[in-house]
Amino acid sequence: MIATGLLGGSFNPAHRGHRRISINAAKALGLDEIWWLVSPGNPLKDAKGMAPLDRRFASARAAARGLPIRVTAIEREFGTRYTVDMLHALRRRFLIAGSSG
């Protein structure tokens, strides 16, 4: 089983701080990979000044280059805005998909 950490955020834009906390978390927690969950929109932040999702996603991919980080915008697919809802959707997707008998 792969030990995976999750880091969600706006990534507006992604930067060295995101890289540092991901690297440190992976080391401290013995993680194999980190998923950066680029949010389509934070319901608690003003959309004014927020770059479009595709630009934030691209900045995250560039910042994650060379690290065991998978950049995803899966919340857009799930239609979630709150962490708890996204975690439930991830759990449903991967526990059901991973339970082949």
Protein backbone atom coordinates (compact mmCIF):
# COMPACT_ATOMS: atom_id res chain seq x y z
CA MET A 1 0.00 0.00 0.00
CA ILE A 2 1.24 3.49 -0.84
CA ALA A 3 1.28 6.03 1.99
CA THR A 4 -0.18 9.21 0.55
CA GLY A 5 -0.47 12.67 2.10
CA LEU A 6 -2.94 15.32 0.94
CA LEU A 7 -2.31 19.06 0.72
CA GLY A 8 -5.24 21.11 -0.44
CA GLY A 9 -5.26 24.77 -1.25
CA SER A 10 -5.70 27.51 -3.78
CA PHE A 11 -2.07 27.37 -5.00
CA ASN A 12 -2.45 30.99 -6.14
CA PRO A 13 0.33 30.49 -7.17
CA ALA A 14 2.14 27.39 -5.96
CA HIS A 15 5.48 28.29 -4.32
CA ARG A 16 8.51 27.02 -2.40
CA GLY A 17 6.54 26.95 0.84
CA HIS A 18 4.20 24.33 -0.62
CA ARG A 19 7.24 22.30 -1.69
CA ARG A 20 8.91 22.60 1.73
CA ILE A 21 5.91 21.53 3.77
CA SER A 22 5.30 18.63 1.39
CA ILE A 23 8.90 17.41 1.58
CA ASN A 24 8.97 17.79 5.37
CA ALA A 25 5.63 16.02 5.82
CA ALA A 26 6.74 13.15 3.58
CA LYS A 27 9.92 12.69 5.60
CA ALA A 28 8.29 13.10 9.01
CA LEU A 29 5.34 10.82 8.24
CA GLY A 30 7.07 8.28 6.01
CA LEU A 31 4.89 9.12 3.02
CA ASP A 32 5.53 7.72 -0.44
CA GLU A 33 3.77 10.59 -2.20
CA ILE A 34 1.83 13.79 -1.66
CA TRP A 35 -1.24 14.83 -3.61
CA TRP A 36 -1.68 18.55 -4.11
CA LEU A 37 -5.42 19.18 -4.37
CA VAL A 38 -5.75 22.43 -6.31
CA SER A 39 -9.11 23.84 -5.28
CA PRO A 40 -11.49 25.14 -7.94
CA GLY A 41 -12.45 27.85 -5.45
CA ASN A 42 -12.23 28.34 -1.73
CA PRO A 43 -15.68 29.24 -0.37
CA LEU A 44 -14.00 31.20 2.43
CA LYS A 45 -11.86 33.39 0.13
CA ASP A 46 -12.87 36.21 -2.15
CA ALA A 47 -12.68 35.11 -5.80
CA LYS A 48 -11.33 38.56 -6.65
CA GLY A 49 -7.64 38.21 -7.39
CA MET A 50 -7.85 34.43 -7.76
CA ALA A 51 -6.19 33.16 -10.92
CA PRO A 52 -8.18 30.74 -13.09
CA LEU A 53 -7.94 27.08 -12.10
CA ASP A 54 -5.93 26.08 -15.16
CA ARG A 55 -3.24 28.69 -14.39
CA ARG A 56 -3.04 27.67 -10.70
CA PHE A 57 -2.90 24.00 -11.72
CA ALA A 58 -0.03 24.75 -14.14
CA SER A 59 1.89 26.65 -11.44
CA ALA A 60 1.44 23.69 -9.09
CA ARG A 61 2.73 21.24 -11.69
CA ALA A 62 5.78 23.41 -12.29
CA ALA A 63 6.46 23.78 -8.56
CA ALA A 64 6.07 20.03 -7.94
CA ARG A 65 8.45 19.01 -10.73
CA GLY A 66 11.03 16.49 -9.57
CA LEU A 67 9.22 15.61 -6.35
CA PRO A 68 6.93 12.69 -5.48
CA ILE A 69 3.93 15.00 -5.78
CA ARG A 70 0.82 14.34 -7.84
CA VAL A 71 -1.03 17.52 -8.75
CA THR A 72 -4.76 17.13 -9.17
CA ALA A 73 -7.89 19.25 -9.49
CA ILE A 74 -10.14 16.34 -8.52
CA GLU A 75 -12.42 18.61 -6.49
CA ARG A 76 -13.69 20.04 -9.77
CA GLU A 77 -14.71 16.53 -10.84
CA PHE A 78 -16.29 15.78 -7.45
CA GLY A 79 -18.02 19.17 -7.28
CA THR A 80 -16.84 19.65 -3.70
CA ARG A 81 -15.79 22.86 -1.97
CA TYR A 82 -15.24 21.73 1.61
CA THR A 83 -12.48 19.41 2.79
CA VAL A 84 -14.83 17.02 4.58
CA ASP A 85 -16.89 16.50 1.42
CA MET A 86 -13.79 15.99 -0.70
CA LEU A 87 -12.39 13.43 1.77
CA HIS A 88 -15.65 11.49 1.70
CA ALA A 89 -15.61 11.51 -2.12
CA LEU A 90 -11.97 10.36 -2.24
CA ARG A 91 -12.69 7.59 0.23
CA ARG A 92 -15.68 6.38 -1.78
CA ARG A 93 -13.74 6.47 -5.05
CA PHE A 94 -10.60 4.71 -3.85
CA LEU A 95 -12.05 2.24 -1.36
CA ILE A 96 -14.70 1.09 -3.82
CA ALA A 97 -12.26 1.09 -6.75
CA GLY A 98 -9.64 -0.73 -4.68
CA SER A 99 -11.96 -3.43 -3.33
CA SER A 100 -11.95 -6.02 -6.06
CA GLY A 101 -12.55 -8.92 -3.74
